[in-house]
N, C-alpha and C. Protein backbone atom coordinates (compact mmCIF):
# COMPACT_ATOMS: atom_id res chain seq x y z
N MET A 1 -0.82 -3.43 11.91
CA MET A 1 -0.81 -3.59 10.46
C MET A 1 0.06 -2.52 9.80
N ARG A 2 0.07 -1.32 10.39
CA ARG A 2 0.95 -0.27 9.87
C ARG A 2 2.41 -0.70 9.97
N GLU A 3 2.78 -1.27 11.10
CA GLU A 3 4.16 -1.75 11.27
C GLU A 3 4.43 -2.91 10.34
N LEU A 4 3.46 -3.80 10.19
CA LEU A 4 3.63 -4.96 9.32
C LEU A 4 3.96 -4.53 7.90
N ALA A 5 3.29 -3.48 7.43
CA ALA A 5 3.49 -3.01 6.06
C ALA A 5 4.71 -2.10 5.92
N GLY A 6 5.31 -1.71 7.04
CA GLY A 6 6.47 -0.84 6.97
C GLY A 6 6.11 0.63 6.84
N PHE A 7 4.88 0.98 7.18
CA PHE A 7 4.48 2.39 7.14
C PHE A 7 4.82 3.05 8.46
N SER A 8 5.31 4.29 8.39
CA SER A 8 5.63 5.03 9.60
C SER A 8 4.44 5.88 10.02
N ASP A 9 4.50 6.40 11.25
CA ASP A 9 3.38 7.16 11.79
C ASP A 9 3.12 8.46 11.02
N ASP A 10 4.16 9.01 10.40
CA ASP A 10 3.97 10.28 9.69
C ASP A 10 3.71 10.09 8.20
N ASP A 11 3.53 8.85 7.75
CA ASP A 11 3.16 8.61 6.36
C ASP A 11 1.71 9.02 6.13
N ALA A 12 1.45 9.62 4.99
CA ALA A 12 0.07 9.92 4.57
C ALA A 12 -0.36 8.82 3.63
N ILE A 13 -1.35 8.05 4.02
CA ILE A 13 -1.73 6.86 3.27
C ILE A 13 -2.97 7.12 2.44
N PHE A 14 -2.80 6.98 1.15
CA PHE A 14 -3.89 7.09 0.18
C PHE A 14 -4.32 5.67 -0.17
N LEU A 15 -5.56 5.33 0.15
CA LEU A 15 -6.07 3.98 -0.10
C LEU A 15 -7.16 4.03 -1.16
N ALA A 16 -6.98 3.24 -2.19
CA ALA A 16 -8.00 3.06 -3.23
C ALA A 16 -8.59 1.67 -3.02
N GLY A 17 -9.84 1.62 -2.54
CA GLY A 17 -10.43 0.36 -2.12
C GLY A 17 -11.56 -0.12 -3.02
N SER A 18 -11.70 -1.43 -3.12
CA SER A 18 -12.74 -2.07 -3.94
C SER A 18 -12.66 -1.59 -5.39
N THR A 19 -11.44 -1.48 -5.88
CA THR A 19 -11.22 -0.92 -7.21
C THR A 19 -11.49 -1.92 -8.32
N GLN A 20 -11.82 -1.36 -9.47
CA GLN A 20 -11.96 -2.13 -10.70
C GLN A 20 -11.17 -1.42 -11.80
N GLU A 21 -10.87 -2.16 -12.84
CA GLU A 21 -10.13 -1.60 -13.97
C GLU A 21 -10.93 -0.44 -14.58
N PRO A 22 -10.35 0.75 -14.84
CA PRO A 22 -8.93 1.13 -14.74
C PRO A 22 -8.62 1.95 -13.50
N GLU A 23 -9.35 1.75 -12.40
CA GLU A 23 -9.18 2.62 -11.24
C GLU A 23 -7.82 2.46 -10.57
N GLU A 24 -7.25 1.26 -10.62
CA GLU A 24 -5.90 1.10 -10.06
C GLU A 24 -4.89 1.95 -10.82
N GLN A 25 -5.03 1.97 -12.15
CA GLN A 25 -4.13 2.78 -12.96
C GLN A 25 -4.28 4.26 -12.63
N LEU A 26 -5.51 4.72 -12.45
CA LEU A 26 -5.75 6.13 -12.12
C LEU A 26 -5.17 6.47 -10.75
N ALA A 27 -5.35 5.58 -9.78
CA ALA A 27 -4.78 5.82 -8.45
C ALA A 27 -3.26 5.84 -8.51
N LEU A 28 -2.70 4.94 -9.30
CA LEU A 28 -1.24 4.88 -9.43
C LEU A 28 -0.71 6.14 -10.11
N GLU A 29 -1.42 6.64 -11.11
CA GLU A 29 -1.01 7.88 -11.76
C GLU A 29 -1.08 9.05 -10.80
N THR A 30 -2.10 9.07 -9.97
CA THR A 30 -2.19 10.11 -8.94
C THR A 30 -0.99 10.04 -8.00
N PHE A 31 -0.69 8.83 -7.54
CA PHE A 31 0.44 8.65 -6.63
C PHE A 31 1.75 9.06 -7.31
N ARG A 32 1.96 8.62 -8.53
CA ARG A 32 3.19 8.94 -9.23
C ARG A 32 3.35 10.45 -9.43
N GLY A 33 2.23 11.12 -9.73
CA GLY A 33 2.30 12.54 -9.99
C GLY A 33 2.55 13.38 -8.76
N LEU A 34 2.21 12.86 -7.57
CA LEU A 34 2.32 13.65 -6.35
C LEU A 34 3.47 13.25 -5.45
N SER A 35 3.92 12.01 -5.52
CA SER A 35 4.86 11.50 -4.53
C SER A 35 6.24 12.15 -4.61
N THR A 36 6.63 12.65 -5.77
CA THR A 36 7.95 13.28 -5.89
C THR A 36 8.05 14.49 -4.97
N ASN A 37 7.01 15.31 -4.98
CA ASN A 37 7.00 16.51 -4.14
C ASN A 37 6.39 16.27 -2.77
N LEU A 38 5.76 15.12 -2.60
CA LEU A 38 5.14 14.77 -1.32
C LEU A 38 5.66 13.41 -0.89
N PRO A 39 6.91 13.34 -0.44
CA PRO A 39 7.57 12.05 -0.22
C PRO A 39 6.96 11.21 0.90
N ARG A 40 6.11 11.78 1.74
CA ARG A 40 5.50 10.97 2.80
C ARG A 40 4.26 10.23 2.33
N LEU A 41 3.88 10.41 1.07
CA LEU A 41 2.69 9.76 0.53
C LEU A 41 2.95 8.28 0.27
N ARG A 42 1.99 7.44 0.67
CA ARG A 42 2.03 6.00 0.40
C ARG A 42 0.69 5.62 -0.22
N LEU A 43 0.68 4.54 -1.00
CA LEU A 43 -0.52 4.09 -1.69
C LEU A 43 -0.84 2.65 -1.32
N ILE A 44 -2.10 2.40 -0.99
CA ILE A 44 -2.60 1.03 -0.79
C ILE A 44 -3.67 0.77 -1.85
N LEU A 45 -3.51 -0.29 -2.60
CA LEU A 45 -4.49 -0.70 -3.60
C LEU A 45 -5.19 -1.97 -3.13
N VAL A 46 -6.52 -1.94 -3.14
CA VAL A 46 -7.30 -3.11 -2.74
C VAL A 46 -8.32 -3.41 -3.84
N PRO A 47 -7.95 -4.24 -4.81
CA PRO A 47 -8.89 -4.58 -5.89
C PRO A 47 -10.13 -5.28 -5.35
N ARG A 48 -11.23 -5.05 -6.02
CA ARG A 48 -12.50 -5.63 -5.59
C ARG A 48 -12.52 -7.14 -5.76
N HIS A 49 -11.98 -7.64 -6.87
CA HIS A 49 -12.11 -9.06 -7.20
C HIS A 49 -10.76 -9.78 -7.13
N PRO A 50 -10.69 -10.90 -6.41
CA PRO A 50 -9.42 -11.63 -6.27
C PRO A 50 -8.79 -12.05 -7.58
N HIS A 51 -9.62 -12.33 -8.60
CA HIS A 51 -9.03 -12.81 -9.86
C HIS A 51 -8.22 -11.70 -10.55
N ARG A 52 -8.29 -10.46 -10.05
CA ARG A 52 -7.53 -9.37 -10.66
C ARG A 52 -6.24 -9.06 -9.89
N PHE A 53 -5.97 -9.78 -8.82
CA PHE A 53 -4.77 -9.49 -8.03
C PHE A 53 -3.50 -9.55 -8.89
N ASP A 54 -3.37 -10.60 -9.68
CA ASP A 54 -2.16 -10.75 -10.51
C ASP A 54 -2.11 -9.68 -11.60
N GLU A 55 -3.26 -9.31 -12.12
CA GLU A 55 -3.31 -8.26 -13.14
C GLU A 55 -2.80 -6.93 -12.57
N VAL A 56 -3.22 -6.61 -11.35
CA VAL A 56 -2.76 -5.37 -10.73
C VAL A 56 -1.29 -5.48 -10.35
N ALA A 57 -0.85 -6.66 -9.94
CA ALA A 57 0.57 -6.87 -9.65
C ALA A 57 1.42 -6.61 -10.88
N ALA A 58 0.95 -7.06 -12.04
CA ALA A 58 1.68 -6.82 -13.28
C ALA A 58 1.73 -5.34 -13.60
N LEU A 59 0.64 -4.63 -13.33
CA LEU A 59 0.62 -3.18 -13.52
C LEU A 59 1.67 -2.51 -12.64
N LEU A 60 1.77 -2.95 -11.41
CA LEU A 60 2.76 -2.37 -10.50
C LEU A 60 4.18 -2.72 -10.93
N ASP A 61 4.40 -3.92 -11.43
CA ASP A 61 5.72 -4.29 -11.95
C ASP A 61 6.13 -3.35 -13.08
N ARG A 62 5.21 -3.05 -13.96
CA ARG A 62 5.52 -2.18 -15.10
C ARG A 62 5.78 -0.74 -14.66
N SER A 63 5.23 -0.36 -13.52
CA SER A 63 5.36 1.03 -13.06
C SER A 63 6.78 1.37 -12.62
N GLY A 64 7.53 0.36 -12.18
CA GLY A 64 8.87 0.62 -11.68
C GLY A 64 8.89 1.17 -10.27
N ILE A 65 7.75 1.29 -9.62
CA ILE A 65 7.66 1.81 -8.26
C ILE A 65 7.82 0.65 -7.27
N ALA A 66 8.51 0.91 -6.16
CA ALA A 66 8.69 -0.12 -5.14
C ALA A 66 7.35 -0.49 -4.52
N TRP A 67 7.01 -1.78 -4.57
CA TRP A 67 5.71 -2.20 -4.06
C TRP A 67 5.84 -3.56 -3.38
N GLN A 68 4.77 -3.95 -2.68
CA GLN A 68 4.78 -5.19 -1.90
C GLN A 68 3.41 -5.81 -1.91
N ARG A 69 3.36 -7.15 -1.98
CA ARG A 69 2.10 -7.87 -1.82
C ARG A 69 1.80 -8.05 -0.34
N ARG A 70 0.55 -7.82 0.04
CA ARG A 70 0.15 -8.07 1.42
C ARG A 70 0.33 -9.53 1.78
N SER A 71 0.05 -10.44 0.87
CA SER A 71 0.12 -11.87 1.16
C SER A 71 1.54 -12.34 1.47
N GLN A 72 2.52 -11.53 1.14
CA GLN A 72 3.91 -11.91 1.38
C GLN A 72 4.49 -11.28 2.64
N LEU A 73 3.69 -10.51 3.36
CA LEU A 73 4.15 -9.93 4.61
C LEU A 73 4.07 -10.98 5.71
N GLU A 74 5.09 -11.04 6.54
CA GLU A 74 5.14 -12.01 7.63
C GLU A 74 4.83 -11.32 8.94
N PRO A 75 3.79 -11.77 9.67
CA PRO A 75 3.40 -11.11 10.93
C PRO A 75 4.53 -10.95 11.93
N ASP A 76 5.44 -11.92 11.99
CA ASP A 76 6.52 -11.86 12.97
C ASP A 76 7.75 -11.13 12.44
N CYS A 77 7.69 -10.68 11.19
CA CYS A 77 8.85 -10.02 10.58
C CYS A 77 8.41 -8.77 9.84
N PRO A 78 8.07 -7.69 10.56
CA PRO A 78 7.69 -6.45 9.88
C PRO A 78 8.80 -5.96 8.98
N LEU A 79 8.42 -5.31 7.90
CA LEU A 79 9.41 -4.82 6.96
C LEU A 79 10.28 -3.74 7.62
N PRO A 80 11.61 -3.82 7.47
CA PRO A 80 12.46 -2.75 8.00
C PRO A 80 12.26 -1.47 7.20
N THR A 81 12.59 -0.35 7.81
CA THR A 81 12.37 0.94 7.17
C THR A 81 13.06 1.02 5.82
N ALA A 82 14.24 0.46 5.73
CA ALA A 82 15.02 0.55 4.49
C ALA A 82 14.34 -0.18 3.33
N HIS A 83 13.46 -1.12 3.63
CA HIS A 83 12.82 -1.91 2.58
C HIS A 83 11.31 -1.66 2.49
N ARG A 84 10.83 -0.62 3.14
CA ARG A 84 9.40 -0.40 3.13
C ARG A 84 8.92 0.00 1.74
N PRO A 85 7.77 -0.48 1.32
CA PRO A 85 7.28 -0.19 -0.02
C PRO A 85 6.62 1.17 -0.09
N LEU A 86 6.56 1.71 -1.27
CA LEU A 86 5.79 2.92 -1.51
C LEU A 86 4.33 2.57 -1.78
N VAL A 87 4.13 1.36 -2.32
CA VAL A 87 2.78 0.90 -2.66
C VAL A 87 2.58 -0.49 -2.07
N LEU A 88 1.41 -0.69 -1.47
CA LEU A 88 1.03 -2.01 -0.97
C LEU A 88 -0.17 -2.50 -1.74
N LEU A 89 -0.06 -3.72 -2.29
CA LEU A 89 -1.18 -4.38 -2.95
C LEU A 89 -1.79 -5.36 -1.96
N VAL A 90 -3.02 -5.10 -1.53
CA VAL A 90 -3.71 -6.00 -0.60
C VAL A 90 -4.36 -7.10 -1.43
N ASP A 91 -3.68 -8.22 -1.51
CA ASP A 91 -4.15 -9.36 -2.30
C ASP A 91 -4.67 -10.46 -1.37
N THR A 92 -5.43 -10.04 -0.37
CA THR A 92 -6.05 -10.96 0.58
C THR A 92 -7.53 -10.59 0.70
N ILE A 93 -8.28 -11.47 1.33
CA ILE A 93 -9.73 -11.28 1.43
C ILE A 93 -10.10 -10.88 2.86
N GLY A 94 -11.03 -9.95 3.00
CA GLY A 94 -11.62 -9.64 4.30
C GLY A 94 -10.87 -8.64 5.15
N GLU A 95 -9.88 -7.95 4.59
CA GLU A 95 -9.09 -7.03 5.39
C GLU A 95 -9.34 -5.56 5.07
N LEU A 96 -10.16 -5.27 4.09
CA LEU A 96 -10.30 -3.89 3.65
C LEU A 96 -10.69 -2.96 4.80
N SER A 97 -11.63 -3.37 5.62
CA SER A 97 -12.07 -2.51 6.72
C SER A 97 -10.91 -2.12 7.62
N ALA A 98 -10.05 -3.07 7.93
CA ALA A 98 -8.91 -2.78 8.80
C ALA A 98 -7.93 -1.80 8.14
N TRP A 99 -7.72 -1.97 6.85
CA TRP A 99 -6.81 -1.05 6.16
C TRP A 99 -7.41 0.34 6.05
N TRP A 100 -8.75 0.43 5.89
CA TRP A 100 -9.38 1.76 5.92
C TRP A 100 -9.04 2.47 7.22
N GLY A 101 -8.89 1.73 8.28
CA GLY A 101 -8.65 2.33 9.58
C GLY A 101 -7.34 3.06 9.70
N MET A 102 -6.41 2.86 8.79
CA MET A 102 -5.15 3.59 8.87
C MET A 102 -4.98 4.57 7.71
N ALA A 103 -5.99 4.70 6.87
CA ALA A 103 -5.89 5.59 5.71
C ALA A 103 -6.09 7.04 6.11
N THR A 104 -5.41 7.92 5.40
CA THR A 104 -5.62 9.36 5.54
C THR A 104 -6.61 9.84 4.50
N ILE A 105 -6.45 9.31 3.30
CA ILE A 105 -7.25 9.71 2.13
C ILE A 105 -7.78 8.45 1.49
N GLY A 106 -9.05 8.47 1.06
CA GLY A 106 -9.63 7.28 0.48
C GLY A 106 -10.38 7.54 -0.81
N PHE A 107 -10.26 6.60 -1.73
CA PHE A 107 -11.08 6.57 -2.94
C PHE A 107 -11.84 5.27 -2.94
N VAL A 108 -13.18 5.34 -3.05
CA VAL A 108 -14.02 4.15 -3.06
C VAL A 108 -14.29 3.75 -4.51
N GLY A 109 -13.87 2.55 -4.86
CA GLY A 109 -13.89 2.12 -6.25
C GLY A 109 -15.24 1.64 -6.75
N GLY A 110 -15.22 1.16 -7.99
CA GLY A 110 -16.43 0.76 -8.68
C GLY A 110 -17.30 1.94 -9.05
N SER A 111 -16.72 3.14 -9.03
CA SER A 111 -17.51 4.36 -9.19
C SER A 111 -16.99 5.30 -10.26
N LEU A 112 -15.77 5.06 -10.75
CA LEU A 112 -15.16 5.96 -11.72
C LEU A 112 -14.84 5.16 -12.98
N HIS A 113 -15.41 5.57 -14.10
CA HIS A 113 -15.25 4.81 -15.35
C HIS A 113 -15.74 3.38 -15.17
N SER A 114 -16.79 3.21 -14.40
CA SER A 114 -17.36 1.89 -14.14
C SER A 114 -18.87 2.04 -14.04
N THR A 115 -19.59 1.03 -14.47
CA THR A 115 -21.05 1.07 -14.36
C THR A 115 -21.56 0.20 -13.22
N ARG A 116 -20.66 -0.27 -12.37
CA ARG A 116 -21.04 -1.19 -11.30
C ARG A 116 -21.94 -0.53 -10.27
N GLY A 117 -21.76 0.76 -10.03
CA GLY A 117 -22.62 1.45 -9.08
C GLY A 117 -21.97 1.78 -7.76
N GLY A 118 -20.65 1.59 -7.67
CA GLY A 118 -19.93 1.96 -6.47
C GLY A 118 -19.92 0.88 -5.41
N GLN A 119 -19.05 1.07 -4.41
CA GLN A 119 -18.94 0.16 -3.28
C GLN A 119 -19.17 0.93 -1.99
N ASN A 120 -19.02 0.26 -0.88
CA ASN A 120 -19.40 0.80 0.42
C ASN A 120 -18.48 1.94 0.85
N MET A 121 -19.02 3.15 0.93
CA MET A 121 -18.25 4.29 1.41
C MET A 121 -18.51 4.60 2.87
N ILE A 122 -19.34 3.79 3.54
CA ILE A 122 -19.64 4.02 4.95
C ILE A 122 -18.42 3.70 5.81
N GLU A 123 -17.68 2.64 5.47
CA GLU A 123 -16.53 2.26 6.29
C GLU A 123 -15.47 3.35 6.35
N PRO A 124 -14.97 3.87 5.23
CA PRO A 124 -13.97 4.93 5.35
C PRO A 124 -14.53 6.17 6.03
N ALA A 125 -15.80 6.49 5.77
CA ALA A 125 -16.42 7.64 6.43
C ALA A 125 -16.44 7.45 7.94
N ALA A 126 -16.77 6.25 8.41
CA ALA A 126 -16.83 5.99 9.85
C ALA A 126 -15.47 6.15 10.51
N TYR A 127 -14.41 5.84 9.78
CA TYR A 127 -13.06 5.99 10.31
C TYR A 127 -12.56 7.43 10.24
N GLY A 128 -13.32 8.32 9.63
CA GLY A 128 -12.87 9.70 9.50
C GLY A 128 -11.87 9.90 8.39
N VAL A 129 -11.89 9.02 7.40
CA VAL A 129 -11.00 9.16 6.24
C VAL A 129 -11.55 10.25 5.32
N ALA A 130 -10.67 11.07 4.77
CA ALA A 130 -11.08 12.04 3.76
C ALA A 130 -11.42 11.25 2.50
N THR A 131 -12.71 11.12 2.21
CA THR A 131 -13.19 10.14 1.24
C THR A 131 -13.71 10.79 -0.03
N CYS A 132 -13.38 10.17 -1.17
CA CYS A 132 -13.95 10.58 -2.44
C CYS A 132 -14.39 9.35 -3.21
N PHE A 133 -15.22 9.58 -4.22
CA PHE A 133 -15.70 8.50 -5.08
C PHE A 133 -16.13 9.12 -6.39
N GLY A 134 -16.32 8.27 -7.39
CA GLY A 134 -16.72 8.74 -8.71
C GLY A 134 -18.21 9.00 -8.81
N PRO A 135 -18.70 9.28 -10.02
CA PRO A 135 -20.11 9.64 -10.19
C PRO A 135 -21.07 8.45 -10.24
N ASN A 136 -20.55 7.24 -10.43
CA ASN A 136 -21.42 6.07 -10.58
C ASN A 136 -21.60 5.37 -9.24
N THR A 137 -22.51 5.90 -8.43
CA THR A 137 -22.70 5.39 -7.07
C THR A 137 -24.17 5.06 -6.80
N GLN A 138 -24.86 4.58 -7.83
CA GLN A 138 -26.30 4.33 -7.67
C GLN A 138 -26.61 3.24 -6.65
N ASN A 139 -25.65 2.36 -6.35
CA ASN A 139 -25.89 1.33 -5.34
C ASN A 139 -25.96 1.90 -3.93
N PHE A 140 -25.46 3.11 -3.75
CA PHE A 140 -25.43 3.74 -2.43
C PHE A 140 -25.96 5.16 -2.52
N ARG A 141 -27.03 5.33 -3.29
CA ARG A 141 -27.54 6.67 -3.59
C ARG A 141 -27.87 7.47 -2.32
N ASP A 142 -28.57 6.86 -1.37
CA ASP A 142 -28.97 7.58 -0.16
C ASP A 142 -27.77 7.98 0.68
N VAL A 143 -26.82 7.06 0.81
CA VAL A 143 -25.62 7.34 1.59
C VAL A 143 -24.83 8.48 0.95
N VAL A 144 -24.68 8.42 -0.36
CA VAL A 144 -23.95 9.47 -1.08
C VAL A 144 -24.63 10.82 -0.91
N ASP A 145 -25.95 10.84 -1.02
CA ASP A 145 -26.67 12.11 -0.84
C ASP A 145 -26.41 12.69 0.55
N LEU A 146 -26.43 11.84 1.57
CA LEU A 146 -26.18 12.31 2.93
C LEU A 146 -24.77 12.86 3.06
N LEU A 147 -23.79 12.13 2.54
CA LEU A 147 -22.40 12.56 2.66
C LEU A 147 -22.14 13.87 1.93
N LEU A 148 -22.64 13.97 0.70
CA LEU A 148 -22.39 15.18 -0.08
C LEU A 148 -23.12 16.38 0.51
N THR A 149 -24.35 16.18 0.97
CA THR A 149 -25.12 17.27 1.56
C THR A 149 -24.45 17.80 2.82
N ALA A 150 -23.85 16.90 3.59
CA ALA A 150 -23.18 17.29 4.83
C ALA A 150 -21.76 17.79 4.61
N GLY A 151 -21.31 17.82 3.35
CA GLY A 151 -19.92 18.21 3.09
C GLY A 151 -18.94 17.24 3.71
N ALA A 152 -19.31 15.94 3.70
CA ALA A 152 -18.53 14.91 4.36
C ALA A 152 -17.79 13.99 3.39
N ALA A 153 -17.87 14.26 2.11
CA ALA A 153 -17.17 13.49 1.09
C ALA A 153 -17.16 14.32 -0.18
N THR A 154 -16.37 13.87 -1.15
CA THR A 154 -16.23 14.60 -2.42
C THR A 154 -16.43 13.66 -3.59
N ARG A 155 -17.13 14.13 -4.61
CA ARG A 155 -17.28 13.36 -5.84
C ARG A 155 -16.23 13.84 -6.85
N VAL A 156 -15.53 12.90 -7.46
CA VAL A 156 -14.55 13.22 -8.50
C VAL A 156 -15.02 12.61 -9.81
N GLU A 157 -14.80 13.33 -10.89
CA GLU A 157 -15.32 12.91 -12.19
C GLU A 157 -14.27 12.31 -13.11
N SER A 158 -12.99 12.37 -12.71
CA SER A 158 -11.92 11.93 -13.61
C SER A 158 -10.66 11.66 -12.80
N GLY A 159 -9.67 11.09 -13.49
CA GLY A 159 -8.38 10.89 -12.85
C GLY A 159 -7.74 12.19 -12.43
N GLU A 160 -7.93 13.24 -13.23
CA GLU A 160 -7.37 14.55 -12.89
C GLU A 160 -7.99 15.10 -11.62
N GLU A 161 -9.31 14.91 -11.47
CA GLU A 161 -9.97 15.39 -10.26
C GLU A 161 -9.57 14.55 -9.05
N LEU A 162 -9.32 13.28 -9.26
CA LEU A 162 -8.83 12.44 -8.18
C LEU A 162 -7.48 12.95 -7.68
N THR A 163 -6.59 13.27 -8.62
CA THR A 163 -5.28 13.81 -8.25
C THR A 163 -5.43 15.12 -7.51
N ALA A 164 -6.32 15.98 -7.98
CA ALA A 164 -6.53 17.27 -7.32
C ALA A 164 -7.05 17.08 -5.90
N PHE A 165 -7.93 16.10 -5.70
CA PHE A 165 -8.46 15.83 -4.37
C PHE A 165 -7.36 15.36 -3.43
N VAL A 166 -6.54 14.43 -3.88
CA VAL A 166 -5.45 13.93 -3.04
C VAL A 166 -4.46 15.05 -2.74
N ARG A 167 -4.13 15.85 -3.74
CA ARG A 167 -3.20 16.96 -3.53
C ARG A 167 -3.74 17.93 -2.47
N ARG A 168 -5.00 18.30 -2.59
CA ARG A 168 -5.57 19.22 -1.61
C ARG A 168 -5.57 18.60 -0.22
N SER A 169 -5.87 17.32 -0.14
CA SER A 169 -5.90 16.64 1.15
C SER A 169 -4.54 16.67 1.84
N LEU A 170 -3.49 16.70 1.04
CA LEU A 170 -2.14 16.69 1.59
C LEU A 170 -1.59 18.10 1.83
N GLU A 171 -1.98 19.04 0.98
CA GLU A 171 -1.39 20.37 1.06
C GLU A 171 -2.19 21.34 1.92
N ASP A 172 -3.48 21.14 2.01
CA ASP A 172 -4.34 21.99 2.83
C ASP A 172 -4.52 21.31 4.19
N SER A 173 -3.86 21.83 5.20
CA SER A 173 -3.81 21.15 6.49
C SER A 173 -5.17 20.99 7.15
N ALA A 174 -6.15 21.84 6.77
CA ALA A 174 -7.47 21.77 7.40
C ALA A 174 -8.45 20.92 6.61
N PHE A 175 -8.18 20.71 5.33
CA PHE A 175 -9.19 20.09 4.46
C PHE A 175 -9.50 18.66 4.83
N ALA A 176 -8.50 17.78 4.82
CA ALA A 176 -8.75 16.36 5.09
C ALA A 176 -9.29 16.10 6.49
N PRO A 177 -8.71 16.71 7.55
CA PRO A 177 -9.27 16.47 8.89
C PRO A 177 -10.72 16.94 9.02
N SER A 178 -11.06 18.07 8.40
CA SER A 178 -12.44 18.57 8.49
C SER A 178 -13.39 17.66 7.75
N LEU A 179 -13.00 17.23 6.54
CA LEU A 179 -13.84 16.33 5.76
C LEU A 179 -14.07 15.01 6.50
N GLY A 180 -12.98 14.47 7.04
CA GLY A 180 -13.08 13.21 7.77
C GLY A 180 -13.91 13.33 9.04
N ALA A 181 -13.78 14.45 9.76
CA ALA A 181 -14.54 14.65 10.99
C ALA A 181 -16.04 14.74 10.70
N ARG A 182 -16.39 15.43 9.63
CA ARG A 182 -17.81 15.52 9.27
C ARG A 182 -18.36 14.15 8.86
N ALA A 183 -17.54 13.36 8.17
CA ALA A 183 -17.97 12.03 7.75
C ALA A 183 -18.21 11.13 8.96
N ALA A 184 -17.26 11.12 9.89
CA ALA A 184 -17.40 10.27 11.08
C ALA A 184 -18.60 10.70 11.92
N ALA A 185 -18.81 12.01 12.05
CA ALA A 185 -19.96 12.51 12.82
C ALA A 185 -21.27 12.09 12.17
N LEU A 186 -21.32 12.14 10.85
CA LEU A 186 -22.54 11.76 10.14
C LEU A 186 -22.86 10.28 10.36
N VAL A 187 -21.85 9.44 10.29
CA VAL A 187 -22.07 8.00 10.50
C VAL A 187 -22.56 7.75 11.92
N ARG A 188 -21.98 8.44 12.90
CA ARG A 188 -22.43 8.27 14.29
C ARG A 188 -23.89 8.67 14.45
N GLN A 189 -24.30 9.73 13.76
CA GLN A 189 -25.68 10.19 13.84
C GLN A 189 -26.66 9.15 13.30
N GLN A 190 -26.19 8.34 12.36
CA GLN A 190 -27.07 7.35 11.74
C GLN A 190 -27.09 6.02 12.49
N GLN A 191 -26.26 5.89 13.51
CA GLN A 191 -26.20 4.65 14.26
C GLN A 191 -27.34 4.57 15.27
N GLY A 192 -27.61 3.38 15.76
CA GLY A 192 -28.63 3.18 16.78
C GLY A 192 -30.03 3.04 16.24
N ALA A 193 -30.17 2.76 14.94
CA ALA A 193 -31.51 2.65 14.35
C ALA A 193 -32.31 1.51 14.97
N THR A 194 -31.64 0.41 15.27
CA THR A 194 -32.36 -0.74 15.84
C THR A 194 -32.95 -0.41 17.20
N SER A 195 -32.15 0.22 18.07
CA SER A 195 -32.66 0.54 19.41
C SER A 195 -33.76 1.59 19.34
N ARG A 196 -33.63 2.57 18.43
CA ARG A 196 -34.68 3.58 18.30
C ARG A 196 -35.98 2.96 17.80
N THR A 197 -35.85 2.04 16.84
CA THR A 197 -37.04 1.36 16.32
C THR A 197 -37.72 0.55 17.41
N TRP A 198 -36.91 -0.19 18.21
CA TRP A 198 -37.50 -0.98 19.28
C TRP A 198 -38.18 -0.09 20.31
N SER A 199 -37.61 1.06 20.62
CA SER A 199 -38.23 1.98 21.59
C SER A 199 -39.61 2.43 21.11
N LEU A 200 -39.71 2.71 19.81
CA LEU A 200 -41.00 3.11 19.26
C LEU A 200 -42.01 1.98 19.32
N ILE A 201 -41.57 0.76 19.00
CA ILE A 201 -42.46 -0.40 19.06
C ILE A 201 -42.91 -0.65 20.49
N GLU A 202 -41.95 -0.58 21.43
CA GLU A 202 -42.26 -0.82 22.83
C GLU A 202 -43.26 0.20 23.36
N GLU A 203 -43.05 1.47 22.98
CA GLU A 203 -43.97 2.51 23.41
C GLU A 203 -45.38 2.25 22.87
N ARG A 204 -45.45 1.82 21.62
CA ARG A 204 -46.74 1.53 21.01
C ARG A 204 -47.42 0.34 21.68
N LEU A 205 -46.66 -0.69 22.00
CA LEU A 205 -47.22 -1.87 22.67
C LEU A 205 -47.75 -1.51 24.05
N LYS A 206 -47.02 -0.69 24.79
CA LYS A 206 -47.47 -0.27 26.11
C LYS A 206 -48.75 0.54 26.02
N SER A 207 -48.80 1.41 24.98
CA SER A 207 -49.98 2.23 24.80
C SER A 207 -51.21 1.36 24.52
N ARG A 208 -51.02 0.37 23.66
CA ARG A 208 -52.13 -0.52 23.34
C ARG A 208 -52.55 -1.35 24.55
N ALA A 209 -51.56 -1.80 25.33
CA ALA A 209 -51.85 -2.60 26.53
C ALA A 209 -52.62 -1.77 27.54
N GLY A 210 -52.23 -0.48 27.70
CA GLY A 210 -52.93 0.39 28.62
C GLY A 210 -54.36 0.64 28.18
N GLY A 211 -54.58 0.81 26.90
CA GLY A 211 -55.93 1.02 26.39
C GLY A 211 -56.81 -0.20 26.60
N ALA A 212 -56.23 -1.38 26.40
CA ALA A 212 -57.00 -2.62 26.59
C ALA A 212 -57.37 -2.80 28.04
N ALA A 213 -56.47 -2.42 28.96
CA ALA A 213 -56.75 -2.53 30.38
C ALA A 213 -57.89 -1.60 30.79
N ALA A 214 -57.87 -0.38 30.22
CA ALA A 214 -58.94 0.59 30.56
C ALA A 214 -60.29 0.08 30.09
N VAL A 215 -60.33 -0.48 28.91
CA VAL A 215 -61.60 -1.04 28.38
C VAL A 215 -62.09 -2.16 29.28
N SER A 216 -61.18 -3.00 29.75
CA SER A 216 -61.55 -4.13 30.60
C SER A 216 -62.14 -3.66 31.92
N GLU A 217 -61.55 -2.58 32.49
CA GLU A 217 -62.05 -2.05 33.76
C GLU A 217 -63.47 -1.48 33.60
N ARG A 218 -63.70 -0.77 32.51
CA ARG A 218 -65.04 -0.20 32.29
C ARG A 218 -66.08 -1.30 32.12
N ALA A 219 -65.69 -2.35 31.42
CA ALA A 219 -66.61 -3.46 31.19
C ALA A 219 -66.98 -4.15 32.51
N ALA A 220 -65.99 -4.22 33.41
CA ALA A 220 -66.25 -4.84 34.70
C ALA A 220 -67.19 -3.98 35.54
């Protein structure tokens, strides 16, 4: 997918996922403000709702920045380096998880200047993406508490703080890898709940079965 989009291995990819208005504008302003001095920066925008794809496309047209629709990429014809976009608009359904897998820096939408309550930040965390989100994350309160307590994600309160987060992720060589590593480790620690639950149930069933057998022997 990186080759398909024309991204090189040394590109730093900032992905704003599950975004709602005006989060695309804020992400674009962050990109515009940093890309001049950080030419390896690339931006992927993934709006939450398909009916907004054209709206975000119009925003990108007005920006004057070179951009590309995901739906227009041809699997057998990756974009040549000379024509690679600075911004990719993912105007398809069901691919966000895969695009998170190549991101360096992530912003989880529905959380900044929105009352929706945030979207899933577990996916970027699992991939080890340096992840941030806004203050409106009540839909994922427990996950957010875990991430923030572990120093595995960052909360941003404004477009300016979003820009500062992305800048630090790019300029501080230790910051983004450390944040991402803590996030991935935290997600791994939370995995296996089903097997642990079954082990407890199985142990309890065996205990009860053993007790019933002992009672039966005494009765005999």
